[in-house]
Protein backbone atom coordinates (compact mmCIF):
# COMPACT_ATOMS: atom_id res chain seq x y z
CA MET A 1 16.25 -3.87 -2.40
CA LEU A 2 14.36 -2.37 -5.50
CA ARG A 3 11.40 -4.87 -4.96
CA PHE A 4 11.30 -3.79 -1.61
CA PHE A 5 11.57 -0.21 -1.62
CA LEU A 6 8.74 -0.40 -4.42
CA HIS A 7 6.42 -2.61 -1.89
CA MET A 8 7.07 -0.26 0.86
CA SER A 9 6.63 2.84 -1.27
CA ASN A 10 3.06 1.31 -2.46
CA TRP A 11 2.08 0.16 1.26
CA LEU A 12 2.87 3.61 2.74
CA ASN A 13 1.12 5.56 0.06
CA THR A 14 -1.67 3.13 1.06
CA CYS A 15 -1.59 4.31 5.02
CA VAL A 16 -1.35 7.72 3.87
CA GLY A 17 -4.74 7.28 2.06
CA ILE A 18 -6.47 5.20 4.75
CA ASP A 19 -4.93 7.95 7.27
CA ARG A 20 -7.18 10.72 5.46
CA ALA A 21 -9.88 8.52 5.44
CA MET A 22 -9.78 8.27 9.23
CA ALA A 23 -9.45 12.07 9.12
CA VAL A 24 -12.03 12.84 7.22
CA PHE A 25 -14.34 10.18 9.14
CA GLN A 26 -13.30 11.71 12.58
CA GLY A 27 -13.19 14.83 11.62
CA THR A 28 -12.58 17.52 14.42
CA ASN A 29 -12.32 14.36 16.87
CA PHE A 30 -9.16 13.55 15.04
CA ASN A 31 -5.91 13.26 17.19
CA LYS A 32 -2.94 13.68 15.15
CA LYS A 33 -0.43 12.57 18.07
CA ARG A 34 -1.99 8.90 17.75
CA SER A 35 -2.05 9.03 14.04
CA ARG A 36 1.88 9.64 14.64
CA CYS A 37 2.19 7.25 16.96
CA ILE A 38 0.52 4.53 14.72
CA ALA A 39 2.43 5.51 12.01
CA ARG A 40 5.57 4.98 13.35
CA TRP A 41 4.15 1.29 14.59
CA ILE A 42 3.01 0.72 10.98
CA ILE A 43 6.46 1.88 9.51
CA PHE A 44 7.88 -0.77 11.76
CA LEU A 45 5.57 -3.49 10.97
CA LEU A 46 5.52 -3.12 7.07
CA GLN A 47 9.31 -3.45 6.84
CA PHE A 48 9.31 -6.73 8.86
CA LEU A 49 6.27 -8.05 6.91
CA ILE A 50 7.38 -7.24 3.39
CA LEU A 51 10.71 -8.51 4.22
CA SER A 52 9.19 -11.86 5.86
CA SER A 53 7.39 -12.68 2.26
CA MET A 54 10.44 -12.30 0.73
CA ILE A 55 12.78 -14.03 2.85
CA TYR A 56 12.50 -16.94 0.01
CA GLU A 57 14.62 -14.72 -2.28
CA PHE A 58 17.65 -14.52 -0.10
CA ILE A 59 17.53 -17.90 0.24
CA ASN A 60 17.56 -18.98 -3.33
CA ARG A 61 20.32 -16.89 -4.83
CA ASP A 62 23.22 -18.57 -5.59
CA LEU A 63 26.61 -16.97 -6.66
CA PHE A 64 28.47 -18.17 -9.77
CA ASP A 65 31.76 -17.69 -10.45
CA ASP A 66 32.38 -16.64 -14.39
CA TYR A 67 36.11 -16.94 -14.70
CA GLU A 68 36.28 -16.34 -18.63
CA GLU A 69 34.72 -12.79 -18.27
CA GLY A 70 36.05 -12.47 -14.74
CA ARG A 71 32.55 -11.73 -13.23
CA VAL A 72 30.37 -12.99 -10.63
CA TRP A 73 27.16 -13.98 -11.29
CA CYS A 74 23.77 -13.65 -8.87
CA VAL A 75 21.48 -16.55 -10.37
CA VAL A 76 17.85 -17.36 -8.65
CA ARG A 77 16.58 -20.98 -9.33
CA TYR A 78 13.17 -21.24 -8.25
CA SER A 79 10.95 -24.68 -7.80
CA LYS A 80 7.36 -24.55 -9.00
CA SER A 81 6.03 -23.95 -6.03
CA ILE A 82 8.40 -21.17 -5.08
CA GLU A 83 7.68 -19.78 -8.21
CA LEU A 84 3.76 -19.96 -7.49
CA TYR A 85 4.36 -18.48 -4.12
CA THR A 86 6.45 -15.70 -5.69
CA ASN A 87 3.35 -14.59 -8.24
CA ILE A 88 0.98 -14.52 -5.02
CA VAL A 89 3.18 -12.32 -3.30
CA GLN A 90 3.70 -10.18 -6.02
CA TYR A 91 -0.29 -9.92 -7.04
CA PHE A 92 -0.62 -8.89 -3.47
CA HIS A 93 1.93 -6.29 -2.91
CA PHE A 94 0.67 -4.89 -6.13
CA ILE A 95 -3.26 -5.28 -6.14
CA ALA A 96 -4.02 -5.31 -1.90
CA PRO A 97 -2.64 -1.37 -1.86
CA PHE A 98 -4.41 -0.01 -4.92
CA LEU A 99 -7.69 -1.49 -3.66
CA ALA A 100 -7.59 -0.24 -0.49
CA ASN A 101 -6.39 3.47 -1.90
CA LEU A 102 -9.48 2.86 -4.31
CA ILE A 103 -11.50 2.00 -1.75
CA SER A 104 -10.51 4.74 0.85
CA ALA A 105 -10.46 7.50 -2.19
CA ILE A 106 -14.12 6.62 -2.90
CA PHE A 107 -15.04 6.74 0.99
CA ILE A 108 -13.79 10.30 1.17
CA ILE A 109 -15.67 11.11 -1.45
CA ILE A 110 -18.96 9.60 -0.88
CA TYR A 111 -18.85 10.99 2.77
CA ILE A 112 -17.93 14.39 2.20
CA THR A 113 -20.64 14.24 -0.27
CA ARG A 114 -22.72 13.05 2.54
CA LEU A 115 -21.53 16.15 5.05
CA LYS A 116 -22.02 18.95 2.07
CA THR A 117 -25.35 17.67 1.51
CA THR A 118 -26.76 18.18 5.06
CA VAL A 119 -24.90 21.70 5.01
CA GLN A 120 -25.85 22.70 2.04
CA SER A 121 -29.48 21.74 1.33
CA GLN A 122 -30.06 23.65 -1.35
CA PHE A 123 -28.35 20.70 -3.58
CA SER A 124 -29.26 17.24 -4.14
CA SER A 125 -26.93 14.56 -3.11
CA GLN A 126 -26.40 13.87 -6.61
CA GLN A 127 -25.19 17.25 -7.44
CA GLN A 128 -22.99 17.07 -4.79
CA LEU A 129 -21.51 13.67 -5.68
CA LEU A 130 -21.02 14.81 -9.10
CA ASN A 131 -19.25 18.16 -7.96
CA GLN A 132 -16.82 16.26 -5.53
CA ILE A 133 -15.92 13.55 -8.07
CA ASN A 134 -14.91 16.83 -10.57
């Protein structure tokens, strides 16, 4: 569950970044009600996709009784192919949201710089970009 919530948090933060980029791009034409409706669908879809990418964990867990210590141990045994799949899924769930957030942040900075350059013509686009980055 911890891994699921970690992935879910990363993807939801990414969705917020993408939503902000769309709001900047659409400007006054941004439809907040439509955005909320899409967000509800995305939350449901993300839960399904993340859990389906992690289903192998539920299948490969075994419980063992330790009678000496009076405990029950949860042990995971992966084959080489499942271990490779695990690594790919882990990297995907960390790298894809990071890249999407990075791209949306760069898009927001560049797009706002272009808008400010057209409105405030006394500053060059490089000066506007430096101001926006700061």
